[in-house]
Protein backbone atom coordinates (compact mmCIF):
# COMPACT_ATOMS: atom_id res chain seq x y z
CA MET A 1 35.05 41.06 31.79
CA THR A 2 37.07 42.07 28.73
CA ALA A 3 35.88 44.24 25.87
CA ARG A 4 35.78 41.14 23.62
CA ASP A 5 33.54 39.36 26.17
CA ASP A 6 31.19 42.36 26.19
CA LEU A 7 31.05 42.28 22.39
CA LEU A 8 30.31 38.55 22.32
CA SER A 9 27.61 38.92 24.98
CA SER A 10 25.84 41.77 23.19
CA ARG A 11 25.90 39.91 19.87
CA ALA A 12 24.52 36.75 21.48
CA GLU A 13 21.66 38.71 23.11
CA ALA A 14 20.81 40.36 19.80
CA LEU A 15 20.72 37.01 18.03
CA SER A 16 18.57 35.39 20.73
CA GLU A 17 15.93 38.08 20.21
CA ALA A 18 15.74 37.37 16.45
CA ASP A 19 13.10 34.99 15.17
CA ASP A 20 15.45 33.09 12.84
CA LEU A 21 19.19 32.56 13.19
CA ASP A 22 20.96 33.68 10.02
CA PRO A 23 22.82 30.57 8.77
CA ARG A 24 25.69 32.74 7.52
CA TYR A 25 26.75 33.57 11.12
CA ASP A 26 27.78 31.40 14.05
CA GLU A 27 26.25 31.52 17.53
CA SER A 28 28.61 34.34 18.46
CA GLY A 29 27.46 36.45 15.54
CA PHE A 30 30.65 36.19 13.48
CA ALA A 31 30.43 35.58 9.73
CA LEU A 32 31.13 32.08 8.47
CA ASP A 33 33.50 31.93 5.50
CA ASP A 34 32.36 28.49 4.24
CA TYR A 35 28.57 28.72 4.34
CA ASP A 36 27.19 25.61 2.61
CA GLY A 37 23.42 26.03 2.68
CA GLU A 38 20.68 25.36 5.21
CA GLN A 39 21.66 23.11 8.11
CA LEU A 40 19.45 21.19 10.53
CA GLU A 41 18.85 22.82 13.87
CA ARG A 42 21.35 21.61 16.46
CA ALA A 43 18.60 20.90 18.98
CA ASP A 44 16.79 18.73 16.45
CA ARG A 45 19.90 16.75 15.60
CA ALA A 46 20.76 16.20 19.26
CA ALA A 47 17.34 15.01 20.35
CA LEU A 48 15.64 11.65 19.99
CA ARG A 49 12.11 13.02 20.23
CA ARG A 50 9.23 11.00 21.68
CA VAL A 51 6.01 10.98 19.62
CA GLU A 52 3.06 11.00 22.00
CA GLY A 53 -0.16 9.03 21.63
CA LEU A 54 1.26 5.93 19.93
CA SER A 55 1.01 3.46 22.82
CA THR A 56 -1.60 0.74 22.35
CA GLU A 57 -0.75 -1.07 25.59
CA LEU A 58 -3.79 -2.09 27.60
CA GLU A 59 -4.20 -0.16 30.84
CA ASP A 60 -6.95 -2.16 32.52
CA ILE A 61 -5.26 -4.51 34.99
CA THR A 62 -8.03 -7.09 34.48
CA GLU A 63 -6.69 -7.54 30.94
CA VAL A 64 -3.17 -8.42 32.08
CA GLU A 65 -3.42 -12.06 30.96
CA TYR A 66 -4.56 -10.99 27.51
CA ARG A 67 -1.69 -8.52 27.33
CA GLN A 68 0.82 -11.28 27.90
CA LEU A 69 -0.57 -13.19 24.92
CA ARG A 70 0.30 -10.44 22.47
CA LEU A 71 2.99 -11.44 20.00
CA GLU A 72 5.34 -8.46 20.41
CA ARG A 73 5.83 -5.42 22.59
CA VAL A 74 7.36 -2.90 20.23
CA VAL A 75 9.05 0.49 20.09
CA LEU A 76 8.79 2.40 16.81
CA ALA A 77 11.69 4.40 15.42
CA GLY A 78 11.79 6.88 12.56
CA VAL A 79 14.38 9.11 10.87
CA TRP A 80 13.07 12.48 9.73
CA SER A 81 15.19 13.54 6.75
CA GLU A 82 12.75 15.53 4.63
CA GLY A 83 9.31 17.09 4.78
CA THR A 84 7.71 18.60 7.88
CA ALA A 85 7.59 17.31 11.43
CA GLU A 86 3.88 16.63 10.90
CA ASP A 87 4.66 14.41 7.90
CA ALA A 88 7.19 12.45 9.93
CA GLU A 89 4.75 11.98 12.82
CA ASN A 90 1.93 10.91 10.46
CA SER A 91 4.24 8.28 8.97
CA LEU A 92 5.05 6.98 12.45
CA ARG A 93 1.35 6.90 13.38
CA GLU A 94 0.67 4.86 10.24
CA LEU A 95 3.46 2.50 11.29
CA SER A 96 1.75 2.21 14.67
CA ALA A 97 -1.51 1.20 12.96
CA LEU A 98 0.40 -1.36 10.87
CA ALA A 99 2.06 -2.80 13.99
CA GLU A 100 -1.27 -3.09 15.80
CA THR A 101 -2.83 -4.77 12.74
CA ALA A 102 0.01 -7.32 12.89
CA GLY A 103 -0.90 -8.09 16.51
CA SER A 104 1.72 -6.07 18.37
CA THR A 105 1.48 -3.78 21.37
CA VAL A 106 3.04 -0.40 20.64
CA LEU A 107 4.78 0.99 23.72
CA ALA A 108 6.52 4.10 22.38
CA GLY A 109 7.67 5.89 19.23
CA VAL A 110 10.78 8.03 18.71
CA LEU A 111 11.93 10.31 15.87
CA GLN A 112 15.50 11.29 15.02
CA ARG A 113 16.18 14.45 12.97
CA ARG A 114 19.01 13.82 10.49
CA SER A 115 19.94 15.20 7.09
CA ARG A 116 20.37 11.58 5.93
CA PRO A 117 20.20 8.16 7.64
CA ASP A 118 23.44 6.84 9.09
CA PRO A 119 24.87 4.16 6.75
CA GLY A 120 25.94 2.09 9.75
CA THR A 121 23.25 1.95 12.42
CA TRP A 122 20.64 4.06 10.55
CA LEU A 123 20.01 6.24 13.63
CA GLY A 124 23.67 6.91 14.43
CA ALA A 125 25.72 5.22 17.15
CA GLY A 126 24.71 7.58 19.97
CA LYS A 127 21.00 7.60 19.15
CA ALA A 128 20.99 3.82 18.75
CA GLN A 129 22.25 3.59 22.33
CA GLU A 130 19.51 6.00 23.46
CA LEU A 131 17.00 3.77 21.66
CA ARG A 132 18.42 0.87 23.65
CA ASP A 133 17.66 2.79 26.86
CA VAL A 134 14.05 3.38 25.70
CA VAL A 135 13.69 -0.34 24.89
CA LEU A 136 14.93 -1.28 28.37
CA SER A 137 12.72 1.24 30.17
CA GLU A 138 9.59 0.18 28.24
CA GLY A 139 10.27 -3.56 28.45
CA ALA A 140 10.05 -3.97 24.67
CA ASP A 141 11.21 -7.03 22.77
CA THR A 142 11.12 -5.61 19.20
CA VAL A 143 12.06 -2.41 17.41
CA ILE A 144 10.27 -1.50 14.15
CA ALA A 145 12.03 0.93 11.81
CA ASP A 146 9.88 3.22 9.66
CA THR A 147 11.77 2.42 6.44
CA GLU A 148 13.32 -0.50 4.61
CA LEU A 149 16.69 -1.16 6.28
CA ALA A 150 19.71 -2.50 4.48
CA PRO A 151 20.73 -5.93 5.87
CA SER A 152 23.90 -4.42 7.38
CA GLN A 153 21.93 -1.62 9.06
CA ARG A 154 19.51 -4.05 10.64
CA ARG A 155 22.33 -6.22 12.00
CA ALA A 156 24.25 -3.21 13.33
CA LEU A 157 21.14 -1.80 15.04
CA GLU A 158 20.31 -5.21 16.56
CA ASP A 159 23.86 -5.45 17.94
CA VAL A 160 23.28 -2.17 19.81
CA VAL A 161 19.67 -2.45 21.02
CA LYS A 162 19.99 -6.20 21.82
CA VAL A 163 16.42 -7.01 20.70
CA LYS A 164 14.88 -8.05 17.40
CA VAL A 165 14.78 -5.30 14.75
CA ILE A 166 12.42 -5.44 11.79
CA ASP A 167 11.66 -2.80 9.18
CA ARG A 168 8.49 -1.44 7.60
CA THR A 169 8.71 -3.83 4.64
CA ALA A 170 8.95 -6.93 6.84
CA LEU A 171 5.97 -5.70 8.88
CA ILE A 172 3.77 -5.21 5.81
CA LEU A 173 4.77 -8.62 4.47
CA ASP A 174 3.80 -10.16 7.81
CA ILE A 175 0.35 -8.52 7.66
CA PHE A 176 -0.16 -9.78 4.11
CA ALA A 177 0.82 -13.30 5.22
CA GLN A 178 -1.82 -13.18 7.98
CA HIS A 179 -4.60 -11.93 5.69
CA ALA A 180 -4.03 -13.97 2.52
CA LYS A 181 -6.85 -16.50 2.12
CA SER A 182 -6.95 -17.66 -1.49
CA LYS A 183 -4.37 -19.95 -3.07
CA GLU A 184 -3.25 -17.16 -5.39
CA GLY A 185 -2.97 -14.64 -2.55
CA LYS A 186 -0.88 -17.02 -0.44
CA ALA A 187 1.44 -17.76 -3.35
CA GLN A 188 1.88 -14.04 -4.10
CA VAL A 189 2.69 -13.23 -0.47
CA GLU A 190 5.16 -16.13 -0.16
CA LEU A 191 6.93 -15.00 -3.33
CA ALA A 192 7.23 -11.46 -1.93
CA GLN A 193 8.54 -12.77 1.41
CA LEU A 194 11.19 -14.92 -0.26
CA SER A 195 12.27 -12.00 -2.49
CA TYR A 196 12.75 -9.95 0.68
CA LEU A 197 14.51 -12.76 2.57
CA LEU A 198 16.98 -13.79 -0.13
CA PRO A 199 19.51 -10.93 0.30
CA ARG A 200 19.10 -11.04 4.09
CA LEU A 201 20.24 -14.59 4.83
CA ARG A 202 22.70 -14.51 7.69
CA GLY A 203 25.20 -17.10 8.90
CA TRP A 204 26.78 -17.66 12.29
CA GLY A 205 30.31 -19.02 11.87
CA GLU A 206 31.15 -22.70 11.66
CA SER A 207 27.65 -23.86 12.60
CA MET A 208 26.51 -22.72 9.16
CA SER A 209 29.32 -24.44 7.25
CA ARG A 210 28.64 -27.48 5.11
CA GLN A 211 32.04 -27.55 3.41
CA ALA A 212 34.10 -30.66 4.13
CA GLY A 213 36.57 -33.02 2.56
CA GLY A 214 39.60 -34.75 4.00
CA GLN A 215 42.16 -33.20 6.29
CA ALA A 216 42.10 -29.93 4.36
CA ALA A 217 38.53 -29.44 5.55
CA GLY A 218 39.34 -29.69 9.21
CA GLY A 219 40.92 -33.09 9.60
CA GLN A 220 37.62 -34.89 10.10
CA GLY A 221 38.48 -37.61 7.58
CA MET A 222 36.06 -40.19 6.21
CA GLY A 223 32.32 -39.61 6.46
CA SER A 224 32.68 -35.85 6.67
CA ARG A 225 32.92 -34.96 3.01
CA GLY A 226 30.02 -32.67 2.09
CA PRO A 227 28.59 -31.19 -1.09
CA GLY A 228 31.08 -28.34 -1.04
CA GLU A 229 28.64 -25.51 -0.32
CA THR A 230 27.80 -23.59 2.82
CA LYS A 231 24.40 -23.79 4.45
CA ILE A 232 23.66 -20.24 3.27
CA GLU A 233 24.41 -21.27 -0.31
CA LEU A 234 22.17 -24.29 0.12
CA ASP A 235 19.36 -22.14 1.55
CA ARG A 236 19.81 -19.62 -1.24
CA ARG A 237 19.52 -22.35 -3.87
CA ARG A 238 16.39 -23.76 -2.24
CA ILE A 239 14.81 -20.29 -2.03
CA ASN A 240 15.53 -19.63 -5.71
CA SER A 241 13.98 -22.98 -6.63
CA ARG A 242 10.89 -22.23 -4.53
CA MET A 243 10.55 -18.77 -6.07
CA ALA A 244 10.73 -20.23 -9.58
CA LYS A 245 7.97 -22.71 -8.68
CA LEU A 246 5.78 -19.94 -7.20
CA ARG A 247 6.20 -17.76 -10.29
CA LYS A 248 5.10 -20.68 -12.44
CA GLU A 249 2.01 -21.28 -10.25
CA ILE A 250 1.08 -17.60 -10.27
CA ALA A 251 1.47 -17.49 -14.07
CA GLN A 252 -0.96 -20.42 -14.36
CA MET A 253 -3.45 -18.67 -12.07
CA LYS A 254 -3.00 -15.51 -14.13
CA THR A 255 -4.11 -17.48 -17.21
CA SER A 256 -7.43 -18.27 -15.50
CA ARG A 257 -7.88 -14.63 -14.50
CA ASP A 258 -7.03 -13.46 -18.02
CA THR A 259 -9.59 -15.89 -19.48
CA LYS A 260 -12.37 -14.44 -17.36
CA ARG A 261 -11.25 -10.91 -18.19
CA HIS A 262 -11.10 -11.76 -21.92
CA SER A 263 -14.63 -13.15 -21.76
CA ARG A 264 -15.89 -9.86 -20.35
CA LYS A 265 -14.00 -7.95 -23.06
CA VAL A 266 -15.43 -10.12 -25.86
CA HIS A 267 -18.93 -9.36 -24.64
CA HIS A 268 -17.96 -5.71 -24.12
CA VAL A 269 -18.95 -5.66 -20.47
CA PRO A 270 -17.46 -2.41 -19.09
CA SER A 271 -15.34 -2.77 -15.96
CA VAL A 272 -14.84 -0.44 -13.01
CA ALA A 273 -11.94 -0.96 -10.58
CA ILE A 274 -12.01 0.35 -7.02
CA ALA A 275 -8.49 1.31 -5.95
CA GLY A 276 -7.07 3.39 -3.14
CA TYR A 277 -5.15 3.58 0.09
CA THR A 278 -5.54 0.80 2.60
CA ASN A 279 -8.46 1.29 5.01
CA ALA A 280 -9.93 4.07 2.84
CA GLY A 281 -13.26 2.19 2.65
CA LYS A 282 -13.02 0.42 -0.74
CA SER A 283 -14.79 -2.77 0.39
CA SER A 284 -17.49 -0.75 2.16
CA LEU A 285 -18.06 1.18 -1.06
CA LEU A 286 -18.28 -2.06 -3.09
CA ASN A 287 -20.86 -3.42 -0.64
CA ARG A 288 -22.86 -0.19 -0.82
CA LEU A 289 -22.85 -0.20 -4.64
CA THR A 290 -23.52 -3.91 -5.22
CA GLY A 291 -24.52 -5.57 -1.93
CA ALA A 292 -21.51 -7.86 -2.36
CA GLY A 293 -21.14 -8.78 1.31
CA VAL A 294 -17.33 -8.42 1.22
CA LEU A 295 -15.45 -8.52 4.53
CA VAL A 296 -15.19 -5.04 6.03
CA GLN A 297 -12.87 -4.39 8.98
CA ASN A 298 -11.38 -1.25 10.46
CA GLN A 299 -7.82 -2.43 9.95
CA LEU A 300 -5.13 -2.17 7.33
CA PHE A 301 -5.03 -4.63 4.43
CA ALA A 302 -8.24 -6.46 5.38
CA THR A 303 -8.75 -7.15 1.65
CA LEU A 304 -6.02 -8.99 -0.28
CA ASP A 305 -7.99 -11.16 -2.69
CA PRO A 306 -9.74 -9.15 -5.43
CA THR A 307 -13.52 -9.40 -5.58
CA VAL A 308 -15.39 -8.88 -8.86
CA ARG A 309 -19.13 -8.22 -8.72
CA ARG A 310 -21.76 -7.52 -11.39
CA SER A 311 -23.81 -4.34 -11.32
CA GLN A 312 -25.86 -2.26 -13.75
CA THR A 313 -26.76 1.32 -14.44
CA ASP A 314 -30.26 2.71 -14.10
CA ASP A 315 -30.77 2.35 -17.84
CA GLY A 316 -29.89 -1.36 -17.69
CA ARG A 317 -26.26 -1.37 -18.88
CA VAL A 318 -24.29 -4.16 -17.17
CA TYR A 319 -20.78 -3.53 -15.81
CA THR A 320 -18.40 -5.15 -13.32
CA LEU A 321 -16.96 -3.69 -10.12
CA ALA A 322 -13.60 -5.02 -8.87
CA ASP A 323 -12.32 -4.45 -5.32
CA THR A 324 -8.50 -4.49 -5.23
CA VAL A 325 -5.77 -4.71 -2.61
CA GLY A 326 -5.09 -1.46 -0.77
CA PHE A 327 -1.93 0.57 -1.18
CA VAL A 328 0.29 2.24 1.40
CA ALA A 329 3.11 4.76 1.29
CA ASN A 330 6.39 3.05 0.34
CA LEU A 331 4.61 -0.17 -0.60
CA PRO A 332 7.38 -2.81 -0.86
CA HIS A 333 8.38 -3.34 -4.48
CA GLN A 334 8.37 -7.10 -3.81
CA LEU A 335 4.62 -6.88 -3.22
CA VAL A 336 4.02 -4.78 -6.33
CA GLU A 337 5.78 -7.43 -8.42
CA ALA A 338 4.09 -10.38 -6.69
CA PHE A 339 0.60 -8.82 -6.96
CA ARG A 340 1.13 -7.55 -10.51
CA SER A 341 -1.42 -10.00 -11.97
CA THR A 342 -3.99 -8.86 -9.39
CA LEU A 343 -3.28 -5.17 -9.98
CA GLU A 344 -3.86 -5.67 -13.70
CA GLU A 345 -7.57 -5.56 -12.85
CA VAL A 346 -6.96 -1.81 -12.52
CA SER A 347 -4.92 -1.31 -15.70
CA ASP A 348 -7.52 -3.22 -17.79
CA ALA A 349 -10.52 -1.35 -16.39
CA ASP A 350 -12.56 1.26 -18.24
CA LEU A 351 -12.82 3.44 -15.14
CA VAL A 352 -10.96 3.64 -11.80
CA LEU A 353 -12.76 4.79 -8.66
CA HIS A 354 -9.81 6.08 -6.62
CA VAL A 355 -11.09 6.02 -3.02
CA VAL A 356 -9.54 8.50 -0.58
CA ASP A 357 -10.07 8.68 3.18
CA GLY A 358 -11.27 12.25 3.67
CA SER A 359 -10.77 12.00 7.44
CA HIS A 360 -7.06 11.11 7.13
CA PRO A 361 -4.54 13.78 8.25
CA ASP A 362 -2.86 13.77 4.82
CA PRO A 363 -5.30 12.72 2.07
CA GLU A 364 -3.16 14.34 -0.66
CA GLY A 365 -0.27 12.14 0.43
CA GLN A 366 -2.52 9.08 0.08
CA ILE A 367 -3.48 10.10 -3.46
CA SER A 368 0.17 10.52 -4.47
CA ALA A 369 1.18 7.15 -2.96
CA VAL A 370 -1.62 5.30 -4.82
CA ARG A 371 -0.91 7.00 -8.14
CA GLU A 372 2.77 6.10 -7.82
CA VAL A 373 1.93 2.39 -7.55
CA LEU A 374 -0.74 2.54 -10.28
CA ALA A 375 1.82 4.04 -12.64
CA GLU A 376 4.00 0.93 -12.18
CA VAL A 377 1.24 -1.34 -13.54
CA GLY A 378 -0.13 0.98 -16.21
CA GLY A 379 -3.16 2.07 -14.21
CA ASP A 380 -2.31 5.74 -14.71
CA GLN A 381 -3.61 5.51 -18.30
CA VAL A 382 -7.18 4.69 -17.17
CA LYS A 383 -9.86 7.34 -16.63
CA GLU A 384 -9.93 8.17 -12.90
CA VAL A 385 -12.58 9.52 -10.54
CA ILE A 386 -11.47 10.59 -7.05
CA VAL A 387 -14.03 9.38 -4.49
CA VAL A 388 -13.57 11.20 -1.18
CA ASN A 389 -14.97 8.67 1.30
CA LYS A 390 -15.88 9.07 4.99
CA ALA A 391 -17.42 12.46 4.30
CA ASP A 392 -19.41 12.08 7.54
CA LEU A 393 -16.14 12.11 9.54
CA ALA A 394 -14.03 14.51 7.47
CA GLU A 395 -13.72 18.25 8.00
CA GLN A 396 -15.74 20.19 5.42
CA HIS A 397 -12.82 22.42 4.47
CA VAL A 398 -10.73 19.30 3.70
CA ILE A 399 -13.47 17.92 1.43
CA ASP A 400 -13.80 21.28 -0.33
CA ARG A 401 -10.03 21.45 -0.82
CA LEU A 402 -9.92 17.98 -2.38
CA LEU A 403 -12.91 18.62 -4.65
CA ARG A 404 -11.29 21.84 -5.88
CA SER A 405 -7.87 20.29 -6.53
CA GLU A 406 -9.15 17.15 -8.30
CA LYS A 407 -11.01 17.78 -11.56
CA HIS A 408 -13.09 14.56 -11.52
CA SER A 409 -14.09 14.03 -7.91
CA ILE A 410 -17.07 13.40 -5.65
CA ALA A 411 -17.61 13.16 -1.88
CA VAL A 412 -19.50 10.19 -0.40
CA SER A 413 -19.95 8.24 2.80
CA ALA A 414 -20.10 4.48 2.34
CA ARG A 415 -21.27 4.16 5.96
CA THR A 416 -24.27 6.50 5.77
CA GLY A 417 -24.96 6.24 2.03
CA ALA A 418 -24.57 9.97 1.44
CA GLY A 419 -23.53 10.72 -2.13
CA ILE A 420 -23.94 7.11 -3.34
CA ARG A 421 -26.79 8.01 -5.73
CA GLU A 422 -24.66 10.76 -7.29
CA LEU A 423 -21.72 8.31 -7.57
CA ARG A 424 -23.90 5.78 -9.42
CA ASP A 425 -24.96 8.49 -11.88
CA LEU A 426 -21.33 9.57 -12.35
CA VAL A 427 -20.22 5.99 -13.07
CA ALA A 428 -23.04 5.59 -15.60
CA ALA A 429 -22.01 8.80 -17.33
CA GLU A 430 -18.30 7.86 -17.50
CA LEU A 431 -18.75 4.27 -18.76
CA PRO A 432 -18.35 3.69 -22.51
CA ARG A 433 -21.68 3.55 -24.34
CA PRO A 434 -22.70 1.50 -27.40
CA ASP A 435 -22.61 3.91 -30.36
CA ILE A 436 -23.46 1.87 -33.51
CA ARG A 437 -27.14 2.09 -34.51
CA VAL A 438 -28.73 -1.08 -35.90
CA GLU A 439 -32.20 -2.20 -36.92
CA VAL A 440 -32.67 -5.97 -36.92
CA LEU A 441 -35.49 -8.48 -37.25
CA LEU A 442 -34.72 -11.36 -34.89
CA PRO A 443 -36.53 -14.70 -35.32
CA TYR A 444 -38.37 -15.85 -32.22
CA ASP A 445 -35.94 -18.76 -31.84
CA ARG A 446 -33.01 -16.29 -31.38
CA GLY A 447 -34.00 -15.12 -27.95
CA ASP A 448 -30.32 -15.34 -27.00
CA LEU A 449 -29.47 -12.43 -29.30
CA LEU A 450 -32.41 -10.40 -27.98
CA SER A 451 -31.16 -11.00 -24.45
CA ARG A 452 -27.65 -9.86 -25.38
CA LEU A 453 -29.06 -6.74 -26.99
CA HIS A 454 -30.66 -5.84 -23.68
CA ASP A 455 -27.53 -6.75 -21.65
CA GLU A 456 -24.78 -5.35 -23.87
CA GLY A 457 -26.49 -2.73 -26.01
CA GLU A 458 -28.88 0.14 -25.61
CA VAL A 459 -32.35 -0.89 -26.89
CA LEU A 460 -34.23 2.08 -28.33
CA SER A 461 -37.45 0.30 -29.35
CA THR A 462 -38.90 -3.19 -29.88
CA GLU A 463 -41.85 -4.31 -32.01
CA HIS A 464 -43.23 -7.85 -32.27
CA GLU A 465 -44.14 -8.90 -35.79
CA GLY A 466 -45.23 -12.16 -37.40
CA GLU A 467 -41.71 -13.13 -38.47
CA GLY A 468 -39.94 -12.08 -35.29
CA THR A 469 -38.96 -9.12 -33.09
CA ARG A 470 -37.95 -5.86 -34.77
CA VAL A 471 -35.38 -4.04 -32.63
CA HIS A 472 -33.82 -0.58 -32.92
CA ALA A 473 -30.67 -0.44 -30.76
CA LYS A 474 -27.16 0.90 -30.24
CA VAL A 475 -24.49 -1.79 -29.99
CA MET A 476 -20.73 -2.38 -29.77
CA PRO A 477 -18.76 -3.54 -32.87
CA THR A 478 -18.58 -7.22 -31.82
CA LEU A 479 -22.32 -7.57 -31.35
CA GLN A 480 -22.91 -5.70 -34.63
CA SER A 481 -21.04 -8.43 -36.57
CA GLU A 482 -23.15 -11.16 -34.95
CA LEU A 483 -26.36 -9.33 -35.86
CA ALA A 484 -25.33 -8.76 -39.48
CA ALA A 485 -27.48 -11.64 -40.81
CA TYR A 486 -30.65 -10.09 -39.35
CA VAL A 487 -30.20 -6.44 -40.36
CA VAL A 488 -33.21 -4.97 -42.17
């Protein structure tokens, strides 16, 4: 062994004993002249790491017939470019829950560490081939990518793995299509799906061609002359026409929703919107507060159609509670646009109850994702109360951390009812109150105005006299103008 070999060996041993490899030196311990910042660990870049605990495949052999009826057997794939490994795994676990909600069987999940996704195959050519090996060994028929793929990336990845590839956006759109029940909800989902599909139309050679005309078009002669556009162009035109029709229908439905909302505003009925991450317990909370009987399921996006219910405070003030569609990290922008009229229930509210799943591994991430979407529809301008739900399942230190970091917050459990009384009191305190004092003498034949005083105002005292009912109350400006003729 030469002296240089001894030097290299001693430097390598010294570096192996260090906790962190200094990025300014190579593996041999020699200084690098062109250091360009932190680099990803070589082992991370070279490995396609399995994420354990994602499989939802049934193990009981007696269920084998049921297993064969499942729509897809899928492998999940993610690229970890930023954040921690825990963040990347949480995102993949959420994708697993989404896939299971859509009716798929999750067989495996893999993560690839890269500084940025590959512009060609997203994972990189070598890792795409490794993914192909995982698909073959697991017997999968679909790969789901934990991002929105460019059309070229999806096609390139499909060409390597030889099975269907869909992305996170397509998966969420599929779930919405399954869960939409109302006419408006179905129209909104179809519009979002068509917006997603339009740039992803794909043709396969001559079979897609509709161009024809004489010998120049292939020598087919008479009877072969076509409209002069390819099938893709024809499909694109039809999709654009359908999207225009759907936008018109949704605008008409929005008019009906706006009319109802305007009626509540005219009568100054305060409104409270329940918003939050999907499966955070919004519908359960609405049922607990109002007894609405809204569908509650332990799955993502169980609620798509907004539900508005009437409630009142302990002192008799009436207000409305609206349950809205749940949000998710990287919610497809097509859905935000399509559901804009529905999400306006939040931006027009007097108070937003932002429900957070306290038992989730990353509740702060949920809060950020919801606020990002609310900002797109103007909901960030509304007074917000953070409601940490599932307090019976969450760790106490997590609840304490959230209550400390959020100024207006409260912990509840919609399942057990813990904290619901305090939440009712908090809502009553945050709602706008009538602040104009009036004293009126209402004739006995104007019972309608007396009823509105009780519903919309704050009645301080009533006294029955010979000419009518004398009332001291606090009211809103609109009701004050209607009572002007009876002021004493």
